N, C-alpha and C. Protein backbone atom coordinates (compact mmCIF):
# COMPACT_ATOMS: atom_id res chain seq x y z
N MET A 1 -22.88 169.80 -35.37
CA MET A 1 -22.23 168.56 -35.00
C MET A 1 -23.23 167.62 -34.33
N LYS A 2 -24.06 168.17 -33.42
CA LYS A 2 -25.07 167.36 -32.74
C LYS A 2 -26.04 166.75 -33.75
N ARG A 3 -26.42 167.53 -34.76
CA ARG A 3 -27.34 167.05 -35.79
C ARG A 3 -26.70 165.92 -36.59
N MET A 4 -25.39 166.04 -36.91
CA MET A 4 -24.69 165.00 -37.65
C MET A 4 -24.62 163.71 -36.84
N ILE A 5 -24.37 163.81 -35.56
CA ILE A 5 -24.32 162.63 -34.70
C ILE A 5 -25.70 161.98 -34.63
N SER A 6 -26.74 162.80 -34.53
CA SER A 6 -28.10 162.30 -34.48
C SER A 6 -28.45 161.55 -35.76
N ARG A 7 -28.10 162.12 -36.92
CA ARG A 7 -28.37 161.45 -38.21
C ARG A 7 -27.59 160.16 -38.34
N THR A 8 -26.34 160.16 -37.87
CA THR A 8 -25.52 158.95 -37.93
C THR A 8 -26.13 157.87 -37.06
N ALA A 9 -26.56 158.23 -35.86
CA ALA A 9 -27.19 157.26 -34.96
C ALA A 9 -28.46 156.70 -35.58
N MET A 10 -29.27 157.56 -36.19
CA MET A 10 -30.49 157.11 -36.83
C MET A 10 -30.18 156.17 -37.98
N GLY A 11 -29.17 156.50 -38.78
CA GLY A 11 -28.77 155.64 -39.89
C GLY A 11 -28.32 154.28 -39.41
N LEU A 12 -27.56 154.25 -38.33
CA LEU A 12 -27.11 152.96 -37.78
C LEU A 12 -28.27 152.16 -37.24
N ALA A 13 -29.23 152.82 -36.62
CA ALA A 13 -30.41 152.11 -36.10
C ALA A 13 -31.22 151.51 -37.23
N VAL A 14 -31.41 152.26 -38.31
CA VAL A 14 -32.14 151.74 -39.46
C VAL A 14 -31.39 150.57 -40.08
N ALA A 15 -30.09 150.67 -40.21
CA ALA A 15 -29.29 149.58 -40.78
C ALA A 15 -29.39 148.35 -39.90
N ALA A 16 -29.37 148.52 -38.59
CA ALA A 16 -29.45 147.38 -37.68
C ALA A 16 -30.80 146.68 -37.82
N LEU A 17 -31.86 147.45 -38.02
CA LEU A 17 -33.18 146.85 -38.19
C LEU A 17 -33.31 146.13 -39.53
N ALA A 18 -32.63 146.64 -40.55
CA ALA A 18 -32.74 146.05 -41.89
C ALA A 18 -31.96 144.75 -42.01
N VAL A 19 -30.91 144.58 -41.20
CA VAL A 19 -30.07 143.40 -41.30
C VAL A 19 -30.73 142.27 -40.54
N GLY A 20 -30.92 141.14 -41.22
CA GLY A 20 -31.52 139.98 -40.55
C GLY A 20 -31.01 138.72 -41.19
N GLY A 21 -30.88 137.66 -40.44
CA GLY A 21 -30.41 136.38 -40.97
C GLY A 21 -31.48 135.70 -41.79
N LEU A 22 -31.13 134.65 -42.50
CA LEU A 22 -32.07 133.92 -43.33
C LEU A 22 -33.11 133.18 -42.50
N ALA A 23 -32.87 132.99 -41.23
CA ALA A 23 -33.82 132.26 -40.40
C ALA A 23 -35.07 133.08 -40.09
N THR A 24 -35.06 134.38 -40.32
CA THR A 24 -36.22 135.20 -40.04
C THR A 24 -37.16 135.20 -41.23
N THR A 25 -38.37 135.69 -41.03
CA THR A 25 -39.34 135.72 -42.12
C THR A 25 -39.69 137.13 -42.56
N ALA A 26 -38.99 138.13 -42.07
CA ALA A 26 -39.27 139.51 -42.47
C ALA A 26 -38.87 139.73 -43.92
N GLN A 27 -39.55 140.65 -44.57
CA GLN A 27 -39.21 140.96 -45.95
C GLN A 27 -37.92 141.75 -46.00
N ALA A 28 -37.22 141.62 -47.10
CA ALA A 28 -35.96 142.35 -47.30
C ALA A 28 -36.26 143.80 -47.61
N ALA A 29 -35.22 144.60 -47.60
CA ALA A 29 -35.34 146.02 -47.89
C ALA A 29 -35.79 146.23 -49.32
N PRO A 30 -36.37 147.38 -49.64
CA PRO A 30 -36.79 147.66 -51.01
C PRO A 30 -35.62 147.72 -51.98
N ALA A 31 -35.94 147.79 -53.25
CA ALA A 31 -34.94 147.73 -54.32
C ALA A 31 -33.81 148.72 -54.13
N ALA A 32 -34.09 149.91 -53.69
CA ALA A 32 -33.04 150.91 -53.53
C ALA A 32 -31.98 150.44 -52.54
N ALA A 33 -32.38 149.74 -51.50
CA ALA A 33 -31.43 149.25 -50.51
C ALA A 33 -30.66 148.05 -51.03
N ALA A 34 -31.26 147.28 -51.93
CA ALA A 34 -30.60 146.09 -52.46
C ALA A 34 -29.31 146.46 -53.18
N ASN A 35 -29.25 147.62 -53.77
CA ASN A 35 -28.07 148.03 -54.50
C ASN A 35 -26.89 148.36 -53.60
N ASN A 36 -27.08 148.37 -52.30
CA ASN A 36 -25.99 148.63 -51.37
C ASN A 36 -25.21 147.36 -51.05
N GLY A 37 -25.54 146.24 -51.70
CA GLY A 37 -24.82 144.99 -51.47
C GLY A 37 -23.49 144.99 -52.20
N ASP A 38 -22.97 143.81 -52.42
CA ASP A 38 -21.68 143.63 -53.10
C ASP A 38 -21.84 144.03 -54.56
N PRO A 39 -21.07 145.01 -55.05
CA PRO A 39 -21.22 145.46 -56.44
C PRO A 39 -20.80 144.41 -57.46
N THR A 40 -20.10 143.35 -57.02
CA THR A 40 -19.70 142.30 -57.97
C THR A 40 -20.81 141.28 -58.15
N LEU A 41 -21.87 141.34 -57.35
CA LEU A 41 -22.99 140.41 -57.46
C LEU A 41 -24.13 141.08 -58.22
N THR A 42 -24.99 140.25 -58.80
CA THR A 42 -26.14 140.75 -59.55
C THR A 42 -27.35 140.81 -58.62
N ASP A 43 -28.03 141.95 -58.59
CA ASP A 43 -29.27 142.05 -57.84
C ASP A 43 -30.37 141.34 -58.61
N VAL A 44 -31.14 140.52 -57.92
CA VAL A 44 -32.28 139.84 -58.53
C VAL A 44 -33.52 140.11 -57.69
N TYR A 45 -34.68 140.05 -58.35
CA TYR A 45 -35.93 140.31 -57.66
C TYR A 45 -36.78 139.05 -57.63
N VAL A 46 -37.08 138.58 -56.43
CA VAL A 46 -38.02 137.47 -56.25
C VAL A 46 -39.40 138.10 -56.24
N TRP A 47 -40.14 137.89 -57.32
CA TRP A 47 -41.39 138.61 -57.54
C TRP A 47 -42.59 137.97 -56.84
N ALA A 48 -42.51 136.69 -56.52
CA ALA A 48 -43.65 135.96 -55.96
C ALA A 48 -43.73 136.14 -54.45
N THR A 49 -44.82 135.66 -53.88
CA THR A 49 -44.99 135.71 -52.43
C THR A 49 -44.78 134.32 -51.84
N ASP A 50 -44.33 134.28 -50.61
CA ASP A 50 -44.12 133.03 -49.86
C ASP A 50 -43.21 132.05 -50.59
N VAL A 51 -42.08 132.55 -51.07
CA VAL A 51 -41.11 131.72 -51.80
C VAL A 51 -40.15 131.10 -50.79
N ASN A 52 -39.95 129.78 -50.91
CA ASN A 52 -39.03 129.06 -50.04
C ASN A 52 -37.59 129.26 -50.48
N LEU A 53 -36.74 129.60 -49.53
CA LEU A 53 -35.30 129.65 -49.76
C LEU A 53 -34.74 128.37 -49.18
N ARG A 54 -34.04 127.60 -50.01
CA ARG A 54 -33.62 126.26 -49.65
C ARG A 54 -32.11 126.16 -49.40
N GLN A 55 -31.74 125.10 -48.70
CA GLN A 55 -30.34 124.84 -48.40
C GLN A 55 -29.58 124.35 -49.64
N GLN A 56 -30.25 123.62 -50.51
CA GLN A 56 -29.68 123.10 -51.75
C GLN A 56 -30.67 123.36 -52.89
N PRO A 57 -30.25 123.23 -54.16
CA PRO A 57 -31.16 123.51 -55.28
C PRO A 57 -32.16 122.37 -55.54
N THR A 58 -32.93 122.07 -54.52
CA THR A 58 -33.99 121.06 -54.60
C THR A 58 -35.07 121.41 -53.59
N SER A 59 -36.31 121.14 -53.95
CA SER A 59 -37.42 121.45 -53.04
C SER A 59 -37.48 120.48 -51.86
N GLU A 60 -36.68 119.45 -51.91
CA GLU A 60 -36.65 118.48 -50.82
C GLU A 60 -35.60 118.83 -49.76
N SER A 61 -34.76 119.82 -50.01
CA SER A 61 -33.76 120.21 -49.01
C SER A 61 -34.42 121.11 -47.96
N PRO A 62 -33.80 121.25 -46.81
CA PRO A 62 -34.39 122.07 -45.74
C PRO A 62 -34.66 123.51 -46.18
N ARG A 63 -35.80 124.00 -45.73
CA ARG A 63 -36.18 125.40 -45.98
C ARG A 63 -35.46 126.27 -44.96
N LEU A 64 -34.75 127.30 -45.43
CA LEU A 64 -34.04 128.21 -44.56
C LEU A 64 -34.86 129.44 -44.19
N ALA A 65 -35.74 129.84 -45.11
CA ALA A 65 -36.54 131.04 -44.89
C ALA A 65 -37.65 131.09 -45.95
N VAL A 66 -38.55 132.01 -45.76
CA VAL A 66 -39.62 132.28 -46.73
C VAL A 66 -39.60 133.78 -46.99
N ARG A 67 -39.64 134.17 -48.25
CA ARG A 67 -39.59 135.58 -48.61
C ARG A 67 -40.70 135.90 -49.61
N SER A 68 -41.09 137.16 -49.63
CA SER A 68 -42.09 137.66 -50.57
C SER A 68 -41.59 138.95 -51.20
N GLN A 69 -41.70 139.03 -52.50
CA GLN A 69 -41.35 140.24 -53.25
C GLN A 69 -40.13 140.91 -52.64
N TRP A 70 -38.98 140.35 -52.96
CA TRP A 70 -37.75 140.60 -52.22
C TRP A 70 -36.55 140.74 -53.16
N TRP A 71 -35.66 141.67 -52.88
CA TRP A 71 -34.41 141.82 -53.63
C TRP A 71 -33.31 141.07 -52.92
N ALA A 72 -32.42 140.45 -53.70
CA ALA A 72 -31.30 139.71 -53.13
C ALA A 72 -30.08 139.86 -54.03
N ASP A 73 -28.93 139.53 -53.48
CA ASP A 73 -27.70 139.45 -54.27
C ASP A 73 -27.57 138.02 -54.78
N ALA A 74 -27.48 137.85 -56.11
CA ALA A 74 -27.31 136.53 -56.71
C ALA A 74 -25.83 136.21 -56.80
N VAL A 75 -25.45 135.04 -56.31
CA VAL A 75 -24.06 134.60 -56.34
C VAL A 75 -23.77 133.84 -57.63
N CYS A 76 -24.60 132.84 -57.93
CA CYS A 76 -24.46 132.05 -59.15
C CYS A 76 -25.74 131.24 -59.35
N GLN A 77 -25.83 130.54 -60.48
CA GLN A 77 -27.00 129.69 -60.73
C GLN A 77 -26.55 128.35 -61.31
N THR A 78 -27.37 127.34 -61.05
CA THR A 78 -27.06 126.00 -61.51
C THR A 78 -28.36 125.24 -61.77
N GLN A 79 -28.24 124.15 -62.50
CA GLN A 79 -29.40 123.31 -62.70
C GLN A 79 -29.56 122.37 -61.50
N GLY A 80 -30.80 122.21 -61.08
CA GLY A 80 -31.12 121.34 -59.95
C GLY A 80 -32.43 120.63 -60.23
N GLN A 81 -33.15 120.35 -59.17
CA GLN A 81 -34.43 119.67 -59.31
C GLN A 81 -35.40 120.54 -60.11
N THR A 82 -36.16 119.90 -60.99
CA THR A 82 -37.18 120.61 -61.76
C THR A 82 -38.35 120.94 -60.84
N VAL A 83 -38.77 122.19 -60.89
CA VAL A 83 -39.93 122.64 -60.12
C VAL A 83 -41.05 122.92 -61.11
N ARG A 84 -42.24 122.39 -60.79
CA ARG A 84 -43.43 122.62 -61.61
C ARG A 84 -44.45 123.37 -60.78
N ASP A 85 -44.86 124.51 -61.28
CA ASP A 85 -45.88 125.32 -60.62
C ASP A 85 -46.94 125.59 -61.67
N PRO A 86 -48.15 125.04 -61.50
CA PRO A 86 -49.18 125.19 -62.53
C PRO A 86 -49.48 126.64 -62.90
N ALA A 87 -49.32 127.54 -61.97
CA ALA A 87 -49.62 128.95 -62.23
C ALA A 87 -48.49 129.67 -62.94
N VAL A 88 -47.25 129.11 -62.89
CA VAL A 88 -46.09 129.83 -63.40
C VAL A 88 -45.36 129.08 -64.51
N GLY A 89 -45.19 127.77 -64.36
CA GLY A 89 -44.47 126.99 -65.37
C GLY A 89 -43.55 125.97 -64.73
N THR A 90 -42.49 125.65 -65.48
CA THR A 90 -41.53 124.63 -65.06
C THR A 90 -40.13 125.17 -65.27
N ASN A 91 -39.23 124.87 -64.31
CA ASN A 91 -37.85 125.32 -64.44
C ASN A 91 -36.95 124.46 -63.55
N ASN A 92 -35.75 124.15 -64.08
CA ASN A 92 -34.79 123.40 -63.27
C ASN A 92 -33.56 124.24 -62.91
N TRP A 93 -33.58 125.54 -63.21
CA TRP A 93 -32.48 126.43 -62.83
C TRP A 93 -32.77 127.05 -61.47
N TRP A 94 -31.75 127.05 -60.63
CA TRP A 94 -31.82 127.62 -59.28
C TRP A 94 -30.71 128.65 -59.13
N THR A 95 -30.99 129.71 -58.37
CA THR A 95 -30.02 130.75 -58.11
C THR A 95 -29.66 130.78 -56.63
N ALA A 96 -28.35 130.82 -56.37
CA ALA A 96 -27.86 130.98 -55.00
C ALA A 96 -27.92 132.47 -54.68
N VAL A 97 -28.61 132.82 -53.60
CA VAL A 97 -28.80 134.22 -53.24
C VAL A 97 -28.32 134.48 -51.82
N GLN A 98 -28.05 135.76 -51.57
CA GLN A 98 -27.71 136.26 -50.24
C GLN A 98 -28.63 137.43 -49.94
N GLU A 99 -29.03 137.57 -48.68
CA GLU A 99 -29.83 138.74 -48.30
C GLU A 99 -29.02 140.01 -48.44
N PHE A 100 -27.78 139.95 -48.06
CA PHE A 100 -26.86 141.07 -48.20
C PHE A 100 -25.47 140.46 -48.33
N ALA A 101 -24.54 141.19 -48.90
CA ALA A 101 -23.20 140.66 -49.16
C ALA A 101 -22.61 140.06 -47.89
N GLY A 102 -22.18 138.82 -47.98
CA GLY A 102 -21.55 138.15 -46.85
C GLY A 102 -22.50 137.31 -46.02
N SER A 103 -23.81 137.39 -46.26
CA SER A 103 -24.75 136.59 -45.48
C SER A 103 -24.75 135.15 -45.99
N ASP A 104 -25.49 134.30 -45.31
CA ASP A 104 -25.59 132.90 -45.71
C ASP A 104 -26.19 132.77 -47.10
N ILE A 105 -25.86 131.67 -47.77
CA ILE A 105 -26.38 131.38 -49.10
C ILE A 105 -27.66 130.56 -48.98
N ALA A 106 -28.63 130.86 -49.83
CA ALA A 106 -29.85 130.06 -49.94
C ALA A 106 -30.17 129.95 -51.42
N TRP A 107 -30.95 128.95 -51.78
CA TRP A 107 -31.30 128.69 -53.18
C TRP A 107 -32.76 129.00 -53.44
N VAL A 108 -33.02 129.66 -54.58
CA VAL A 108 -34.37 129.97 -55.04
C VAL A 108 -34.50 129.47 -56.46
N ASN A 109 -35.62 128.79 -56.75
CA ASN A 109 -35.84 128.36 -58.13
C ASN A 109 -36.10 129.59 -58.99
N ASN A 110 -35.54 129.60 -60.20
CA ASN A 110 -35.64 130.76 -61.08
C ASN A 110 -37.07 131.05 -61.55
N LEU A 111 -38.01 130.13 -61.34
CA LEU A 111 -39.41 130.42 -61.67
C LEU A 111 -39.88 131.68 -60.95
N TYR A 112 -39.34 131.90 -59.77
CA TYR A 112 -39.82 132.96 -58.90
C TYR A 112 -38.93 134.20 -58.92
N ILE A 113 -37.94 134.21 -59.80
CA ILE A 113 -37.04 135.35 -59.94
C ILE A 113 -37.32 136.03 -61.28
N ARG A 114 -37.46 137.32 -61.27
CA ARG A 114 -37.69 138.05 -62.51
C ARG A 114 -36.48 137.86 -63.43
N GLY A 115 -36.74 137.48 -64.68
CA GLY A 115 -35.65 137.38 -65.64
C GLY A 115 -35.69 136.16 -66.54
N GLY A 116 -36.58 135.22 -66.30
CA GLY A 116 -36.69 134.08 -67.19
C GLY A 116 -36.09 132.81 -66.65
N GLN A 117 -36.00 131.81 -67.54
CA GLN A 117 -35.55 130.50 -67.13
C GLN A 117 -34.14 130.54 -66.54
N LYS A 118 -33.23 131.23 -67.22
CA LYS A 118 -31.87 131.42 -66.76
C LYS A 118 -31.65 132.93 -66.67
N ILE A 119 -31.18 133.41 -65.53
CA ILE A 119 -31.11 134.84 -65.25
C ILE A 119 -29.85 135.46 -65.87
N ALA A 120 -30.04 136.44 -66.76
CA ALA A 120 -28.92 137.14 -67.39
C ALA A 120 -28.10 137.88 -66.34
N GLY A 121 -26.78 137.82 -66.47
CA GLY A 121 -25.88 138.52 -65.56
C GLY A 121 -25.48 137.72 -64.34
N VAL A 122 -26.12 136.57 -64.13
CA VAL A 122 -25.77 135.71 -62.99
C VAL A 122 -24.93 134.55 -63.54
N PRO A 123 -23.69 134.40 -63.08
CA PRO A 123 -22.81 133.34 -63.63
C PRO A 123 -23.28 131.94 -63.21
N ASP A 124 -22.86 130.96 -63.98
CA ASP A 124 -23.09 129.56 -63.60
C ASP A 124 -22.19 129.21 -62.42
N CYS A 125 -22.65 128.32 -61.57
CA CYS A 125 -21.86 127.87 -60.43
C CYS A 125 -20.83 126.85 -60.89
């Protein structure tokens, strides 16, 4: 019983450390932890480093956070401002993401999400 309580306490401590708001700059949990989000949402992988998470689907809206090589729950996607990155290409599709089910929404341009111009499995907004 003591061992079970100890493991439960450790699990809660790890979960508390993993949970963070969009205002922080820490990286999200690895892919295995991303699947613990809302099963009705699609997990997406932001493959690039130092990617801005925005308040709206435009690079001119306020930056909420910066993430690198990060898994997120995708809520939906829509067309927004066209982003041009000489190293990657051009795309006007943006995906609304959450760090974990129920957290604040932020927008990431699909250039930086694995899956192409429009991400399969993520509904339109």
